[in-house]
Protein backbone atom coordinates (compact mmCIF):
# COMPACT_ATOMS: atom_id res chain seq x y z
CA MET A 1 0.26 0.21 -0.17
CA ARG A 2 1.06 3.57 -0.81
CA LYS A 3 0.08 6.48 1.21
CA VAL A 4 1.44 10.52 -0.86
CA VAL A 5 1.46 12.55 2.35
CA LYS A 6 1.28 16.75 2.14
CA PHE A 7 2.06 18.64 5.36
CA GLY A 8 0.82 22.63 5.00
CA GLY A 9 3.33 25.22 5.54
CA SER A 10 1.69 26.08 9.56
CA SER A 11 2.63 21.65 9.80
CA LEU A 12 6.02 22.76 9.16
CA ALA A 13 6.74 26.19 10.97
CA SER A 14 9.14 25.27 13.27
CA ALA A 15 11.26 22.53 14.69
CA GLU A 16 8.50 21.24 17.08
CA GLN A 17 5.86 21.05 14.21
CA PHE A 18 8.73 18.93 12.40
CA LYS A 19 8.79 17.01 14.68
CA LYS A 20 5.42 15.88 15.01
CA VAL A 21 5.03 15.56 11.06
CA GLY A 22 8.44 13.07 11.80
CA ASP A 23 6.22 11.04 13.81
CA ILE A 24 3.34 10.79 12.20
CA ILE A 25 5.63 10.13 8.50
CA HIS A 26 7.41 7.16 10.89
CA SER A 27 4.21 6.07 12.66
CA ASP A 28 3.29 4.22 9.16
CA ALA A 29 5.85 2.95 6.66
CA GLU A 30 2.91 3.06 3.82
CA ARG A 31 3.69 6.68 4.24
CA ARG A 32 6.56 6.75 1.38
CA TYR A 33 6.13 9.99 -0.40
CA VAL A 34 6.14 13.37 1.71
CA ILE A 35 5.00 16.73 0.11
CA PRO A 36 6.15 19.29 2.10
CA SER A 37 4.99 23.23 2.08
CA ALA A 38 7.03 26.30 2.89
CA PRO A 39 7.30 27.21 6.81
CA GLY A 40 4.39 29.27 7.70
CA LYS A 41 3.49 31.18 10.34
CA ARG A 42 4.85 30.27 13.91
CA ASN A 43 2.04 33.01 15.80
CA ASP A 44 -0.21 35.27 14.09
CA LYS A 45 2.71 38.34 13.87
CA ASP A 46 4.57 36.18 12.32
CA THR A 47 5.21 35.98 8.55
CA LYS A 48 5.41 33.48 6.17
CA VAL A 49 9.43 32.41 4.72
CA THR A 50 7.17 32.71 1.08
CA ASP A 51 6.25 36.42 1.74
CA MET A 52 9.62 37.15 2.97
CA LEU A 53 11.49 35.81 -0.50
CA TYR A 54 8.83 37.55 -2.27
CA ALA A 55 9.60 40.97 -0.79
CA CYS A 56 13.24 40.00 -0.63
CA TYR A 57 13.57 39.61 -4.13
CA ALA A 58 11.09 42.39 -4.93
CA LYS A 59 14.17 44.02 -3.65
CA ALA A 60 17.00 42.31 -5.52
CA GLU A 61 14.35 43.34 -9.05
CA ALA A 62 14.71 47.15 -7.84
CA GLY A 63 18.50 47.00 -7.08
CA GLU A 64 18.08 47.32 -3.88
CA ASP A 65 20.15 45.96 -1.00
CA PHE A 66 18.72 42.34 -0.11
CA MET A 67 21.03 40.34 2.13
CA ALA A 68 19.45 41.34 5.36
CA ASP A 69 15.72 39.88 4.56
CA LEU A 70 17.82 36.93 2.53
CA LYS A 71 19.69 36.27 5.79
CA ALA A 72 16.26 36.71 8.32
CA ILE A 73 15.22 34.08 5.79
CA GLN A 74 18.35 31.58 6.12
CA ALA A 75 17.76 32.37 10.30
CA ARG A 76 14.40 30.81 9.68
CA TYR A 77 15.97 27.73 8.23
CA GLU A 78 18.83 27.54 11.25
CA GLU A 79 15.94 27.66 14.04
CA ILE A 80 14.94 24.31 12.35
CA ILE A 81 17.98 22.66 11.65
CA ALA A 82 18.92 23.79 14.81
CA GLY A 83 15.75 22.24 16.77
CA LEU A 84 16.10 18.66 14.79
CA GLN A 85 19.95 18.92 15.47
CA LEU A 86 21.09 17.74 12.02
CA GLY A 87 24.16 18.07 10.85
CA LEU A 88 23.15 20.45 7.61
CA SER A 89 24.38 23.80 6.38
CA MET A 90 22.34 25.44 4.06
CA ASP A 91 25.07 28.60 3.45
CA GLU A 92 25.80 27.08 -0.21
CA GLU A 93 22.11 26.74 -0.65
CA PHE A 94 21.69 30.50 0.05
CA LYS A 95 24.65 31.67 -1.41
CA ILE A 96 23.13 29.74 -5.07
CA ILE A 97 20.09 31.69 -3.92
CA GLU A 98 21.74 35.09 -3.58
CA ASP A 99 23.44 34.95 -7.26
CA ASN A 100 20.33 33.94 -8.77
CA PHE A 101 18.63 36.92 -7.07
CA ARG A 102 21.07 39.21 -8.62
CA GLU A 103 20.96 38.05 -11.53
CA LYS A 104 17.07 38.34 -11.10
CA SER A 105 15.78 34.80 -11.66
CA GLY A 106 11.96 35.50 -11.69
CA GLU A 107 9.68 35.61 -8.65
CA ASP A 108 8.44 32.12 -9.36
CA TYR A 109 12.17 30.74 -9.13
CA ALA A 110 12.30 33.52 -5.66
CA ALA A 111 8.55 31.59 -4.56
CA SER A 112 9.38 28.42 -4.78
CA ARG A 113 13.05 28.31 -2.63
CA GLY A 114 10.72 28.04 0.74
CA GLU A 115 9.41 24.94 -0.09
CA TYR A 116 12.65 23.35 -2.17
CA LEU A 117 14.81 24.65 1.43
CA ASN A 118 12.09 23.00 3.29
CA GLY A 119 12.46 19.58 1.56
CA ILE A 120 16.21 19.31 2.04
CA ILE A 121 15.81 19.68 5.47
CA MET A 122 12.50 16.92 5.68
CA ALA A 123 14.45 14.81 3.51
CA HIS A 124 17.44 15.12 6.25
CA TYR A 125 15.27 14.54 9.14
CA LEU A 126 13.94 11.43 8.01
CA GLY A 127 16.11 9.90 5.53
CA PHE A 128 14.54 10.09 2.30
CA GLU A 129 15.63 10.60 -0.62
CA PHE A 130 15.50 14.00 -2.30
CA ILE A 131 14.21 14.97 -5.57
CA ASP A 132 13.76 18.16 -6.59
CA ALA A 133 9.90 19.15 -7.83
CA ALA A 134 12.31 21.41 -11.07
CA SER A 135 13.36 17.44 -12.07
CA VAL A 136 10.03 15.97 -12.65
CA ILE A 137 6.65 18.40 -12.50
CA ILE A 138 7.19 19.70 -16.36
CA PHE A 139 5.46 22.75 -17.75
CA GLU A 140 4.69 24.17 -21.48
CA GLU A 141 6.46 26.77 -22.48
CA ASN A 142 3.09 28.90 -22.51
CA GLY A 143 3.24 28.73 -18.81
CA GLU A 144 0.12 24.93 -18.93
CA PHE A 145 1.17 22.09 -16.44
CA ALA A 146 2.05 19.37 -18.72
CA ALA A 147 -0.16 17.02 -17.04
CA GLU A 148 0.50 13.70 -19.11
CA LYS A 149 4.52 14.45 -19.36
CA THR A 150 4.90 14.80 -16.32
CA ASN A 151 2.75 11.86 -14.89
CA GLU A 152 5.22 9.64 -17.11
CA VAL A 153 8.39 11.19 -15.94
CA LEU A 154 7.13 11.13 -12.67
CA SER A 155 5.69 7.70 -12.18
CA ARG A 156 9.51 6.67 -13.34
CA ARG A 157 11.48 8.12 -11.34
CA LEU A 158 9.13 7.34 -8.37
CA GLY A 159 9.53 3.69 -9.64
CA LYS A 160 13.16 3.80 -8.75
CA VAL A 161 12.69 4.96 -4.64
CA GLU A 162 11.00 3.63 -2.14
CA LYS A 163 10.26 6.99 0.21
CA ALA A 164 11.00 10.25 -1.29
CA VAL A 165 11.13 14.26 -0.47
CA ILE A 166 9.61 16.21 -3.42
CA PRO A 167 8.65 19.98 -2.72
CA GLY A 168 5.15 21.30 -3.63
CA PHE A 169 4.21 24.19 -5.37
CA TYR A 170 6.53 24.62 -7.96
CA GLY A 171 8.31 22.79 -11.41
CA ALA A 172 9.87 23.92 -14.49
CA TYR A 173 10.08 24.27 -18.05
CA GLU A 174 12.21 22.35 -20.73
CA ASP A 175 14.70 24.92 -20.20
CA GLY A 176 14.85 24.17 -16.38
CA ARG A 177 13.49 27.76 -15.36
CA VAL A 178 11.53 27.34 -12.67
CA LYS A 179 7.50 27.82 -12.54
CA THR A 180 5.46 28.16 -9.52
CA PHE A 181 1.60 26.58 -9.30
CA SER A 182 -1.05 29.27 -7.94
CA ARG A 183 -0.85 30.09 -4.47
CA GLY A 184 -1.96 26.47 -2.56
CA GLY A 185 0.37 24.67 -5.30
CA SER A 186 1.68 22.06 -2.82
CA ASP A 187 -1.91 20.73 -2.97
CA ILE A 188 -1.40 20.79 -6.21
CA THR A 189 1.71 19.13 -6.56
CA GLY A 190 0.47 16.27 -3.79
CA SER A 191 -2.46 15.47 -5.94
CA ILE A 192 -0.01 15.06 -9.48
CA VAL A 193 2.33 12.91 -7.34
CA ALA A 194 -0.36 10.50 -5.56
CA ARG A 195 -1.64 10.48 -9.50
CA ALA A 196 2.15 9.25 -10.76
CA ALA A 197 3.13 6.98 -7.49
CA ARG A 198 -0.43 5.10 -7.91
CA ALA A 199 -1.42 5.33 -4.56
CA ASP A 200 -3.98 4.22 -2.65
CA VAL A 201 -4.78 7.11 -0.43
CA TYR A 202 -3.73 11.48 -0.63
CA GLU A 203 -3.35 12.11 3.37
CA ASN A 204 -3.05 16.70 3.28
CA TRP A 205 -2.40 17.86 7.02
CA THR A 206 -2.89 20.86 7.16
CA ASP A 207 -4.22 22.41 11.12
CA VAL A 208 -7.82 21.74 10.91
CA SER A 209 -9.26 18.41 11.58
CA GLY A 210 -10.75 18.80 8.41
CA PHE A 211 -13.93 20.62 6.08
CA LEU A 212 -16.66 21.49 8.59
CA VAL A 213 -20.66 21.52 7.99
CA ALA A 214 -20.65 24.98 7.95
CA ASP A 215 -18.31 28.32 8.71
CA PRO A 216 -16.23 28.37 12.26
CA ARG A 217 -16.50 32.54 12.21
CA ILE A 218 -20.08 31.78 11.73
CA ILE A 219 -21.12 29.11 13.70
CA ASP A 220 -19.09 27.89 17.23
CA ASN A 221 -17.82 24.85 17.07
CA PRO A 222 -19.58 23.34 13.76
CA PRO A 223 -18.77 19.31 13.29
CA VAL A 224 -16.25 17.85 10.89
CA ILE A 225 -17.71 16.41 7.88
CA GLU A 226 -16.73 12.79 7.60
CA THR A 227 -16.93 11.90 4.35
CA ILE A 228 -18.20 13.80 0.94
CA THR A 229 -17.57 13.15 -2.84
CA TYR A 230 -15.73 15.56 -5.23
CA ARG A 231 -19.07 16.42 -6.49
CA GLU A 232 -20.00 18.11 -2.44
CA LEU A 233 -16.34 19.46 -1.96
CA ARG A 234 -16.63 21.49 -6.17
CA GLU A 235 -19.88 23.10 -4.50
CA LEU A 236 -18.90 23.94 -0.89
CA SER A 237 -15.24 25.09 -1.97
CA TYR A 238 -16.72 27.42 -4.90
CA MET A 239 -18.86 28.92 -1.73
CA GLY A 240 -15.76 29.81 -0.02
CA ALA A 241 -14.99 26.31 2.40
CA ALA A 242 -11.40 26.33 1.44
CA VAL A 243 -9.32 23.62 3.14
CA LEU A 244 -8.11 22.30 -0.26
CA HIS A 245 -6.81 24.08 -3.38
CA GLU A 246 -9.66 22.69 -5.74
CA ASP A 247 -7.46 22.50 -8.12
CA ALA A 248 -5.71 19.44 -6.08
CA ILE A 249 -9.21 17.59 -6.84
CA PHE A 250 -8.26 17.16 -10.82
CA PRO A 251 -5.02 14.43 -11.22
CA VAL A 252 -6.67 11.92 -8.37
CA ARG A 253 -10.04 12.20 -9.01
CA ARG A 254 -9.05 10.49 -12.61
CA GLU A 255 -7.59 8.07 -10.38
CA GLY A 256 -10.23 7.17 -7.89
CA ILE A 257 -7.91 7.97 -5.09
CA PRO A 258 -8.95 8.94 -2.11
CA ILE A 259 -8.07 12.53 -0.30
CA ASN A 260 -7.86 12.18 3.35
CA ILE A 261 -7.70 15.81 5.25
CA ARG A 262 -6.14 15.48 8.67
CA ASN A 263 -4.69 17.77 11.28
CA THR A 264 -1.16 17.48 12.19
CA ASN A 265 -1.79 18.75 15.69
CA ALA A 266 -4.30 16.28 15.88
CA PRO A 267 -3.21 13.43 14.01
CA GLU A 268 -5.81 10.86 16.46
CA GLU A 269 -8.62 12.48 14.37
CA LYS A 270 -9.84 10.60 11.16
CA GLY A 271 -10.04 14.30 10.03
CA THR A 272 -12.63 14.51 6.56
CA TRP A 273 -12.38 11.49 3.43
CA ILE A 274 -13.12 13.35 0.04
CA VAL A 275 -13.67 10.26 -1.90
CA GLU A 276 -15.77 9.63 -5.66
CA SER A 277 -18.68 8.42 -4.54
CA THR A 278 -20.09 6.39 -1.05
CA CYS A 279 -22.94 4.25 -0.17
CA GLN A 280 -22.22 5.90 3.24
CA LYS A 281 -24.86 8.34 4.84
CA SER A 282 -24.24 11.84 5.52
CA LYS A 283 -24.76 12.20 9.02
CA TYR A 284 -27.12 15.03 8.35
CA VAL A 285 -29.72 15.77 5.49
CA ILE A 286 -26.91 17.82 4.57
CA THR A 287 -23.68 17.77 3.98
CA GLY A 288 -22.24 21.64 4.45
CA VAL A 289 -23.69 24.67 4.15
CA ALA A 290 -21.30 27.34 2.65
CA GLY A 291 -21.79 31.15 1.17
CA LYS A 292 -20.10 34.24 -0.10
CA LYS A 293 -20.72 37.72 -0.14
CA GLY A 294 -20.52 40.59 -2.98
CA PHE A 295 -22.89 39.84 -5.96
CA CYS A 296 -25.04 41.89 -7.57
CA SER A 297 -27.78 40.76 -10.03
CA VAL A 298 -29.07 41.95 -13.19
CA ASN A 299 -33.00 41.47 -14.04
CA ILE A 300 -33.78 41.40 -17.39
CA GLU A 301 -37.37 41.24 -18.60
CA LYS A 302 -38.76 40.94 -21.72
CA ASP A 303 -42.49 39.93 -22.59
CA MET A 304 -42.44 36.56 -25.14
CA MET A 305 -38.34 36.45 -24.30
CA ASN A 306 -39.25 32.62 -23.71
CA ALA A 307 -40.09 32.07 -27.47
CA GLU A 308 -37.29 34.56 -28.55
CA ILE A 309 -34.86 31.56 -29.65
CA GLY A 310 -31.19 32.81 -28.72
CA PHE A 311 -32.44 35.37 -26.19
CA GLY A 312 -30.04 34.39 -23.48
CA ARG A 313 -27.28 33.36 -25.37
CA LYS A 314 -27.73 36.81 -26.56
CA VAL A 315 -27.76 38.42 -23.07
CA LEU A 316 -24.77 36.29 -22.24
CA GLN A 317 -22.90 37.62 -25.16
CA ALA A 318 -23.18 40.91 -23.57
CA PHE A 319 -21.02 39.66 -20.57
CA GLU A 320 -18.43 37.79 -22.14
CA ASP A 321 -18.07 40.85 -24.71
CA TYR A 322 -16.61 42.92 -21.70
CA GLY A 323 -15.05 39.82 -19.40
CA ILE A 324 -17.31 39.12 -17.24
CA SER A 325 -18.34 35.48 -16.17
CA PHE A 326 -21.32 34.88 -14.52
CA GLU A 327 -22.23 32.74 -11.45
CA HIS A 328 -26.35 31.41 -11.69
CA VAL A 329 -28.69 32.30 -14.12
CA PRO A 330 -32.30 31.69 -13.13
CA SER A 331 -35.03 32.80 -15.22
CA GLY A 332 -38.78 32.75 -15.50
CA ILE A 333 -41.46 33.27 -18.71
CA ASP A 334 -40.07 36.94 -18.96
CA THR A 335 -37.70 37.25 -16.91
CA MET A 336 -33.55 36.24 -16.54
CA THR A 337 -31.54 36.72 -13.90
CA VAL A 338 -27.95 37.31 -14.23
CA PHE A 339 -25.80 37.23 -10.97
CA VAL A 340 -21.78 38.62 -11.21
CA HIS A 341 -19.56 39.16 -8.90
CA GLN A 342 -20.38 43.09 -7.42
CA ASP A 343 -16.27 43.85 -7.79
CA GLU A 344 -15.73 42.94 -11.36
CA PHE A 345 -19.04 44.04 -12.50
CA MET A 346 -19.37 47.71 -11.16
CA ASP A 347 -16.56 49.45 -13.44
CA LYS A 348 -18.33 47.60 -16.61
CA GLU A 349 -22.01 47.94 -15.50
CA GLN A 350 -23.10 50.60 -18.02
CA LYS A 351 -21.00 49.22 -20.69
CA VAL A 352 -22.89 46.08 -20.25
CA ALA A 353 -26.53 47.42 -19.65
CA ALA A 354 -26.03 49.18 -23.36
CA ALA A 355 -24.55 45.69 -24.97
CA ILE A 356 -27.45 43.86 -23.57
CA HIS A 357 -29.68 46.48 -24.97
CA ARG A 358 -28.02 46.21 -27.99
CA LEU A 359 -28.07 42.67 -28.84
CA ALA A 360 -31.20 41.31 -26.77
CA ASP A 361 -33.81 44.49 -27.15
CA PRO A 362 -35.36 43.83 -23.62
CA ASP A 363 -38.09 45.78 -21.73
CA THR A 364 -36.26 46.86 -18.73
CA ILE A 365 -32.81 46.21 -17.08
CA GLU A 366 -32.64 46.78 -13.63
CA ILE A 367 -29.83 46.01 -11.20
CA GLU A 368 -29.33 45.02 -7.84
CA SER A 369 -26.17 44.95 -5.67
CA ASP A 370 -24.82 44.00 -2.25
CA LEU A 371 -26.08 40.76 -2.54
CA ALA A 372 -24.81 37.31 -1.03
CA LEU A 373 -25.49 33.79 -2.17
CA VAL A 374 -25.78 30.50 0.32
CA ALA A 375 -24.82 26.90 -0.79
CA VAL A 376 -26.68 24.39 0.78
CA VAL A 377 -25.35 20.92 -0.28
CA GLY A 378 -25.65 17.15 0.28
CA ARG A 379 -25.91 14.19 -1.26
CA GLY A 380 -29.15 13.32 1.18
CA MET A 381 -30.86 15.87 -0.21
CA LYS A 382 -32.10 14.03 -2.90
CA SER A 383 -33.76 11.25 -0.95
CA THR A 384 -34.79 13.81 1.77
CA ARG A 385 -38.79 14.77 1.19
CA GLY A 386 -38.90 18.51 2.42
CA THR A 387 -35.97 19.85 2.34
CA ALA A 388 -36.60 23.25 0.61
CA GLY A 389 -39.39 23.73 2.29
CA ARG A 390 -37.56 22.96 5.64
CA ILE A 391 -35.12 25.76 4.72
CA PHE A 392 -37.53 28.46 3.84
CA SER A 393 -39.72 28.30 6.65
CA ALA A 394 -35.82 28.28 8.86
CA LEU A 395 -34.76 31.25 6.83
CA ALA A 396 -38.40 33.05 7.01
CA HIS A 397 -38.34 32.90 10.93
CA LYS A 398 -35.20 33.97 11.23
CA ASN A 399 -36.71 37.18 9.16
CA VAL A 400 -33.94 36.37 6.45
CA ASN A 401 -35.72 37.92 2.88
CA VAL A 402 -34.91 35.17 -0.56
CA ARG A 403 -34.13 36.95 -3.51
CA MET A 404 -33.20 34.06 -5.32
CA ILE A 405 -33.62 30.40 -5.66
CA ASP A 406 -31.57 27.97 -7.88
CA GLN A 407 -31.77 23.93 -7.73
CA GLY A 408 -29.42 22.25 -9.73
CA SER A 409 -30.44 19.04 -11.82
CA SER A 410 -28.95 16.78 -9.52
CA GLU A 411 -30.46 17.93 -6.52
CA LEU A 412 -26.80 17.87 -5.05
CA ASN A 413 -27.23 21.77 -4.26
CA ILE A 414 -30.12 24.39 -3.59
CA ILE A 415 -28.57 28.32 -4.37
CA ILE A 416 -30.00 31.14 -1.96
CA GLY A 417 -29.65 35.08 -2.94
CA VAL A 418 -30.20 37.07 0.21
CA SER A 419 -28.45 40.42 0.88
CA ASN A 420 -25.33 40.99 2.83
CA ALA A 421 -26.68 41.92 5.40
CA ASP A 422 -28.97 38.64 6.32
CA PHE A 423 -26.00 36.50 5.23
CA GLU A 424 -25.05 35.11 8.92
CA ASN A 425 -27.87 34.68 9.55
CA ALA A 426 -29.18 32.78 6.96
CA ILE A 427 -26.79 30.83 7.38
CA ARG A 428 -27.21 30.48 10.75
CA ALA A 429 -30.90 29.90 10.50
CA ILE A 430 -29.77 26.62 7.67
CA TYR A 431 -27.37 25.25 9.87
CA GLU A 432 -29.91 24.79 13.04
CA ILE A 433 -33.10 23.75 11.57
CA PHE A 434 -30.22 20.70 9.41
CA VAL A 435 -27.50 20.24 11.97
CA GLU A 436 -28.48 21.39 16.24
CA VAL A 437 -31.66 19.49 15.81
CA GLN A 438 -30.86 16.35 14.93
CA LEU A 439 -27.56 16.71 17.50
């Protein structure tokens, strides 16, 4: 059995955290491939090493003296090395980084050094082989990740080593130039390695014990979701329930590899299992509730629009022409509403409205701002009668006015539009009726 394990920045912020990680890895011989992030914050006032590297390189690129910043970064690593009592010097590595900074090797190179250096320390500490991600994670010249080529190269490389550390977050072009994924890219690297290793499980270790039923900033101590499907995860992640970078789902999903979200500081807890499908029933009717503020709606009315072929395409063309993506498009016989992110839309609203008039010739257009969207997600909703009724009854009881309702054909989720001011109350109302009532 093979397990790929990824550890986030908070799990590797100090020597003390490194020791916890070492104990977790050594406690299970099946944990064979390790993907470390760069050191995160040691406390609330601390700075992540990746942010320190960005700031340091910005000075180098501007021709300013950056050596004090670079020495502060080196001190972070030397503190970890000393705490682990490793006979390891980083002087040569930092001299190479200094030279490359002076040669302005690029922001991606600079940012990647956090994971690279942590990977070297982790490999020495565990006694595993170190594999530089730049040698096995490949990007095309246009910046696109070369998934199949990477899988071929990485599979071949992992086949020659029993246990290894592969830094997260970055890879390289064919010519060796370093290229990073977006923020959260260590999750993606872990997923890529899990696919290449044909892992049985991809364990993603962080500072929380899995996905929660609701946002803990709104709900006190919401329970952990024990099992969630990829589709449910996608719906909740889209609505802001961010524990795992959503691009990390796809490499393992196509191989049917389950993901287990675990807590480095509470390794005894089972965390959340993310699977393709399951016969296990959710503890509650809903799997989770999440949402985001900051939307606006564009309501288009036209008599007999339902009989006009191509009307919807013409309306959406106006948004596309100005580079605006839509979130939801609920419609009626003579009305069509397009929900968009308010901050993307504000500066272009009059241009888009004019384009809709020109392309679709509506009777009226009405724009409403300061709206929030709430997603109620759960595979159990499909087989449970009265779910929608309970949702709207709970919202009415809390005096929350529903501005929009949108349910997908899969019956996996119900999207509700409310005002920004009602957002937290809406989350609490739904949580109370489906979770607290059953506790």
